[in-house]
Amino acid sequence: MRRRRYVRRRPPSASRRSVRPKGSRGGRPSPASVAIVRDGTGRATQRGRVRWGGGLAGQRPRLVTVGHLHQDGDDLHASVDQRLQEAGLRNSRSRQVVVDVLVRAGRPLSLPEILDADMELAQSSAYRNLGELVHAGVARRVESADDHARFELHESITGHHHHLVCTSCGMVEDFDVPDDFEAGIDAMVHAAESQGFRIDAHRFDLLGRCARCS
């Protein structure tokens, strides 16, 4: 009778294990907003599409560039940290998550969409943090055609842009306009200022139906 020989197998090496960060979706970068960079006169000078690169769990993702615009993730979070500090607020983990969701989205999001994008966010916490981010100048509220307000990073961080608003489903998308159109808007701004009217900002939204609703 033969004796069976038992061979003790070694556990798999940690270096061979595939570790996927929570919510990383395989580490593929997600598109972010199309931004227009403006100089001190408010004139559009550069365009570019920014994509949000994946990172390890517990680390802040980084921004990589497509086009002319370069926005580093560390610089973005440093700007967020500074604005929150000036407003007397701390850049808590939940606020960082909200900012990351807005960057990854590439368009203004409603509160339900923000909650769907990251399951660790509680509704009350997300709504409170959105209000505080708006107060600190990190995010801004965007009106849409439905009952849900949308939120996006402030354009002083991402760059100046305009919106396409779907009157059917309420979705809001970012889009940029030609430089000559922006030059026409700048001419109107200067004309208004020549009459003593102070311009703080301008909006140009196109209303219609999105590709899914049309």
Foldseek 3Di string as FASTA:
>chain_A
DDDDDDDDDDDDDPVPDDDDAPLCVRFDWAWAAWAFAADPLRAGDFTWTKIWTDDHPPDHTFIDTGGDDDDTRVNLVVVLQVLCVVVVHHCDPQLSLLQVLQGRVRWWAFLVVSCVSDVVDDSVNNVVSQVSCCVSQQKHWDDALDPTITMHGHCVRVHDWAWEGENPPGGIHTDHDDSVVSVVVSVVQVVCVVVVDDDDDDYDYHYHHDPVGD
